[in-house]
N, C-alpha and C. Protein backbone atom coordinates (compact mmCIF):
# COMPACT_ATOMS: atom_id res chain seq x y z
N MET A 1 -17.94 5.23 18.67
CA MET A 1 -16.81 4.56 18.51
C MET A 1 -16.48 4.22 17.06
N SER A 2 -15.24 4.25 16.49
CA SER A 2 -14.93 3.94 15.09
C SER A 2 -15.17 2.23 14.86
N LYS A 3 -15.59 1.77 13.94
CA LYS A 3 -15.44 0.20 13.31
C LYS A 3 -13.98 -0.29 13.28
N TRP A 4 -13.12 0.72 13.26
CA TRP A 4 -11.70 0.23 13.05
C TRP A 4 -11.33 -0.26 14.34
N SER A 5 -11.77 -0.17 15.49
CA SER A 5 -11.44 -0.71 16.76
C SER A 5 -11.94 -2.22 16.74
N GLU A 6 -12.67 -2.67 15.74
CA GLU A 6 -13.29 -4.00 15.75
C GLU A 6 -12.65 -4.64 14.63
N PRO A 7 -11.57 -5.58 15.32
CA PRO A 7 -10.74 -6.58 14.53
C PRO A 7 -11.28 -6.87 13.18
N ASN A 8 -12.58 -7.46 13.05
CA ASN A 8 -13.16 -7.93 11.80
C ASN A 8 -13.16 -6.85 10.77
N ASN A 9 -13.11 -5.62 10.89
CA ASN A 9 -13.33 -4.70 10.02
C ASN A 9 -12.06 -4.00 9.38
N LEU A 10 -10.94 -4.45 10.15
CA LEU A 10 -9.58 -4.04 9.58
C LEU A 10 -9.13 -4.77 8.40
N PRO A 11 -8.83 -4.08 7.33
CA PRO A 11 -8.21 -4.68 6.19
C PRO A 11 -6.84 -5.64 6.71
N HIS A 12 -6.70 -6.61 5.90
CA HIS A 12 -5.48 -7.58 6.48
C HIS A 12 -4.38 -7.05 5.50
N ILE A 13 -3.31 -6.37 6.36
CA ILE A 13 -2.00 -5.81 6.06
C ILE A 13 -0.90 -6.80 6.22
N PRO A 14 -0.21 -7.52 5.48
CA PRO A 14 0.72 -8.45 5.87
C PRO A 14 1.80 -7.86 6.35
N GLU A 15 2.33 -8.41 7.43
CA GLU A 15 3.61 -8.16 8.12
C GLU A 15 4.64 -7.97 7.25
N GLY A 16 5.61 -7.03 7.59
CA GLY A 16 6.93 -6.89 6.74
C GLY A 16 6.68 -6.25 5.34
N LEU A 17 5.55 -5.63 4.92
CA LEU A 17 5.31 -5.18 3.61
C LEU A 17 5.97 -3.67 3.56
N VAL A 18 6.00 -3.09 4.79
CA VAL A 18 6.91 -1.87 4.47
C VAL A 18 8.24 -2.06 4.31
N GLY A 19 8.81 -1.57 3.46
CA GLY A 19 10.13 -1.75 2.91
C GLY A 19 10.25 -2.80 1.66
N SER A 20 9.25 -3.26 1.46
CA SER A 20 9.18 -4.38 0.30
C SER A 20 9.51 -3.50 -0.99
N LYS A 21 10.37 -4.21 -2.05
CA LYS A 21 10.75 -3.54 -3.06
C LYS A 21 10.45 -4.42 -4.13
N HIS A 22 10.06 -4.03 -5.41
CA HIS A 22 10.01 -4.85 -6.62
C HIS A 22 10.94 -3.85 -7.51
N THR A 23 11.83 -4.63 -8.36
CA THR A 23 12.65 -4.27 -9.27
C THR A 23 12.39 -4.87 -10.44
N PHE A 24 12.18 -4.10 -11.68
CA PHE A 24 11.63 -4.53 -12.83
C PHE A 24 13.09 -4.69 -13.73
N PRO A 25 12.96 -5.66 -14.72
CA PRO A 25 14.01 -6.01 -15.54
C PRO A 25 14.98 -4.89 -15.93
N ASP A 26 14.39 -3.72 -16.28
CA ASP A 26 15.15 -2.48 -16.65
C ASP A 26 15.70 -1.90 -15.64
N GLY A 27 15.43 -2.11 -14.38
CA GLY A 27 16.23 -1.32 -13.22
C GLY A 27 15.42 -0.66 -12.56
N ASP A 28 14.01 -0.05 -13.01
CA ASP A 28 13.25 0.52 -12.36
C ASP A 28 12.73 -0.14 -11.16
N SER A 29 12.14 0.66 -10.16
CA SER A 29 11.90 -0.09 -9.05
C SER A 29 10.62 0.86 -8.07
N ILE A 30 9.85 -0.06 -7.51
CA ILE A 30 8.88 0.50 -6.72
C ILE A 30 9.01 -0.07 -5.27
N THR A 31 8.89 0.83 -4.18
CA THR A 31 9.27 0.51 -2.81
C THR A 31 8.01 0.99 -2.16
N ILE A 32 7.54 0.00 -0.90
CA ILE A 32 6.65 0.58 -0.19
C ILE A 32 7.34 1.25 0.92
N PHE A 33 6.99 2.33 1.13
CA PHE A 33 7.75 3.30 2.35
C PHE A 33 6.89 3.28 3.49
N GLU A 34 5.70 3.28 3.45
CA GLU A 34 4.86 3.54 4.83
C GLU A 34 3.37 3.23 4.46
N ILE A 35 2.57 2.71 5.62
CA ILE A 35 1.34 2.18 5.42
C ILE A 35 0.76 3.03 6.82
N LYS A 36 -0.21 3.72 6.65
CA LYS A 36 -0.88 4.55 7.96
C LYS A 36 -2.39 4.73 7.56
N MET A 37 -2.96 4.69 8.58
CA MET A 37 -4.42 5.10 8.70
C MET A 37 -4.64 6.31 8.45
N ARG A 38 -5.57 6.82 7.26
CA ARG A 38 -5.76 8.06 6.96
C ARG A 38 -6.56 8.74 8.06
N ASP A 39 -6.25 9.87 8.56
CA ASP A 39 -7.07 10.57 9.69
C ASP A 39 -8.16 11.29 9.02
N ARG A 40 -8.19 11.45 7.77
CA ARG A 40 -9.35 12.34 6.91
C ARG A 40 -10.15 11.37 6.29
N LEU A 41 -11.61 11.84 6.55
CA LEU A 41 -12.55 10.96 6.02
C LEU A 41 -12.41 11.02 4.25
N ILE A 42 -12.65 9.92 3.63
CA ILE A 42 -12.68 9.99 2.20
C ILE A 42 -13.87 9.32 1.85
N GLU A 43 -14.71 10.10 1.22
CA GLU A 43 -16.08 9.44 0.70
C GLU A 43 -15.96 8.12 0.05
N GLY A 44 -16.73 7.14 0.59
CA GLY A 44 -16.67 5.92 -0.45
C GLY A 44 -15.51 5.08 -0.09
N ALA A 45 -14.69 5.33 1.01
CA ALA A 45 -13.55 4.35 1.08
C ALA A 45 -13.65 4.01 2.41
N GLY A 46 -13.18 2.71 2.49
CA GLY A 46 -13.00 1.96 3.84
C GLY A 46 -14.31 1.83 4.48
N VAL A 47 -13.92 1.89 5.82
CA VAL A 47 -15.26 1.75 6.83
C VAL A 47 -15.30 3.16 7.39
N GLU A 48 -16.50 3.79 7.31
CA GLU A 48 -16.84 5.01 7.77
C GLU A 48 -15.81 6.09 6.94
N GLY A 49 -15.58 5.86 5.97
CA GLY A 49 -14.59 6.89 5.27
C GLY A 49 -13.18 6.79 5.72
N ILE A 50 -12.77 5.92 6.50
CA ILE A 50 -11.47 5.89 6.98
C ILE A 50 -11.07 4.76 6.40
N THR A 51 -9.61 4.75 5.77
CA THR A 51 -8.87 3.67 4.91
C THR A 51 -7.48 3.74 5.25
N PRO A 52 -6.64 2.84 5.13
CA PRO A 52 -5.31 2.66 5.22
C PRO A 52 -4.62 3.20 3.91
N PHE A 53 -3.59 3.98 3.84
CA PHE A 53 -2.90 4.52 2.82
C PHE A 53 -1.67 4.09 2.79
N ILE A 54 -1.05 4.00 1.50
CA ILE A 54 0.19 3.24 1.34
C ILE A 54 0.93 4.55 0.66
N THR A 55 2.12 4.88 1.15
CA THR A 55 3.13 5.86 0.61
C THR A 55 4.17 4.77 -0.02
N TYR A 56 4.45 4.98 -1.14
CA TYR A 56 5.54 4.13 -2.18
C TYR A 56 6.34 5.32 -3.10
N GLU A 57 7.41 4.66 -3.07
CA GLU A 57 8.38 5.33 -3.95
C GLU A 57 8.68 4.62 -5.47
N ILE A 58 8.71 5.65 -6.41
CA ILE A 58 9.03 5.04 -7.72
C ILE A 58 9.88 5.43 -8.38
N GLN A 59 11.11 4.55 -8.67
CA GLN A 59 12.54 4.98 -9.17
C GLN A 59 12.52 4.75 -10.55
N GLN A 60 12.77 5.62 -11.41
CA GLN A 60 12.80 5.53 -12.91
C GLN A 60 14.26 6.12 -13.37
N GLY A 61 15.00 5.07 -13.91
CA GLY A 61 16.33 5.57 -14.36
C GLY A 61 17.13 6.15 -13.25
N PRO A 62 18.02 7.25 -13.69
CA PRO A 62 19.09 7.70 -12.60
C PRO A 62 18.46 9.06 -11.97
N GLY A 63 17.39 9.18 -12.13
CA GLY A 63 16.51 10.54 -11.38
C GLY A 63 16.29 10.44 -10.07
N ILE A 64 15.62 11.38 -9.56
CA ILE A 64 15.23 11.40 -8.17
C ILE A 64 13.97 10.58 -7.78
N PRO A 65 13.86 9.71 -6.78
CA PRO A 65 12.51 8.82 -6.93
C PRO A 65 11.42 9.53 -6.56
N ARG A 66 10.36 9.22 -6.99
CA ARG A 66 9.15 9.96 -6.79
C ARG A 66 8.12 9.35 -5.91
N ARG A 67 7.65 10.02 -4.88
CA ARG A 67 6.97 9.63 -3.87
C ARG A 67 5.60 9.64 -3.89
N HIS A 68 4.61 8.61 -3.84
CA HIS A 68 3.15 8.89 -4.13
C HIS A 68 2.22 8.08 -2.95
N GLN A 69 1.15 8.62 -2.85
CA GLN A 69 0.16 7.96 -1.83
C GLN A 69 -0.79 7.46 -2.53
N MET A 70 -1.42 6.24 -2.03
CA MET A 70 -2.64 5.66 -2.69
C MET A 70 -3.54 4.80 -1.63
N SER A 71 -4.64 4.71 -1.88
CA SER A 71 -5.35 3.84 -0.53
C SER A 71 -4.95 2.57 -0.94
N TYR A 72 -5.07 2.03 0.21
CA TYR A 72 -4.36 0.32 0.20
C TYR A 72 -5.08 -0.51 -0.76
N ASN A 73 -6.37 -0.33 -0.85
CA ASN A 73 -7.33 -1.27 -1.88
C ASN A 73 -6.92 -1.05 -3.29
N ASP A 74 -6.60 0.35 -3.57
CA ASP A 74 -6.35 0.82 -4.92
C ASP A 74 -5.02 0.18 -5.19
N PHE A 75 -3.92 0.34 -4.29
CA PHE A 75 -2.54 0.00 -4.55
C PHE A 75 -2.59 -1.63 -4.78
N LEU A 76 -3.47 -2.25 -4.04
CA LEU A 76 -3.54 -3.55 -4.20
C LEU A 76 -3.97 -4.01 -5.57
N GLY A 77 -4.92 -3.34 -5.89
CA GLY A 77 -5.49 -3.54 -7.30
C GLY A 77 -4.47 -3.11 -8.30
N MET A 78 -3.67 -2.04 -8.37
CA MET A 78 -2.92 -1.88 -9.42
C MET A 78 -1.61 -2.54 -9.27
N TYR A 79 -1.07 -2.46 -8.07
CA TYR A 79 0.30 -3.14 -7.96
C TYR A 79 0.73 -4.38 -7.11
N GLY A 80 -0.46 -4.91 -6.57
CA GLY A 80 -0.44 -6.08 -5.81
C GLY A 80 0.05 -7.37 -6.01
N HIS A 81 0.07 -7.60 -7.43
CA HIS A 81 0.69 -8.71 -8.15
C HIS A 81 2.30 -8.53 -8.02
N LEU A 82 2.66 -7.28 -7.97
CA LEU A 82 4.25 -7.34 -7.86
C LEU A 82 4.69 -7.78 -6.56
N PHE A 83 3.85 -7.70 -5.48
CA PHE A 83 4.22 -7.84 -4.01
C PHE A 83 3.64 -9.27 -3.69
N PRO A 84 4.12 -10.46 -3.85
CA PRO A 84 3.36 -11.56 -3.36
C PRO A 84 2.85 -11.66 -1.97
N THR A 85 3.47 -11.11 -1.08
CA THR A 85 2.76 -11.21 0.40
C THR A 85 1.22 -10.37 0.36
N MET A 86 1.32 -9.65 -0.60
CA MET A 86 -0.06 -8.75 -0.48
C MET A 86 -1.08 -9.76 -1.08
N SER A 87 -0.77 -10.58 -1.98
CA SER A 87 -1.84 -11.27 -2.61
C SER A 87 -2.16 -12.70 -1.99
N GLY A 88 -1.21 -12.81 -0.83
CA GLY A 88 -1.21 -14.12 -0.15
C GLY A 88 -0.30 -15.27 -0.58
N LYS A 89 0.34 -14.79 -1.79
CA LYS A 89 1.18 -15.85 -2.24
C LYS A 89 2.62 -15.64 -1.83
N GLN A 90 3.35 -16.70 -1.71
CA GLN A 90 5.06 -16.58 -1.52
C GLN A 90 5.62 -16.79 -2.57
N GLU A 91 6.92 -16.20 -2.57
CA GLU A 91 7.81 -16.42 -3.77
C GLU A 91 8.69 -17.61 -3.62
């Protein structure tokens, strides 16, 4: 049995995070598109190698948005300050 079925081992992912968007002063933006559990083991990540991943889009200028994926914890470390609900702060 996977440890993910035990509530104490699940990472806290705030409600309403999917669809959250941060727009920078120059108009560029980052939007959280999807959060899902990765079904492939990733060495050194999460519990038993299973970890949630965030799919996000970056829009820079008039170009086509770029979609990226990153583990939840890595995203939190790099972009968490842009999304107050991730860090437990409210605007």
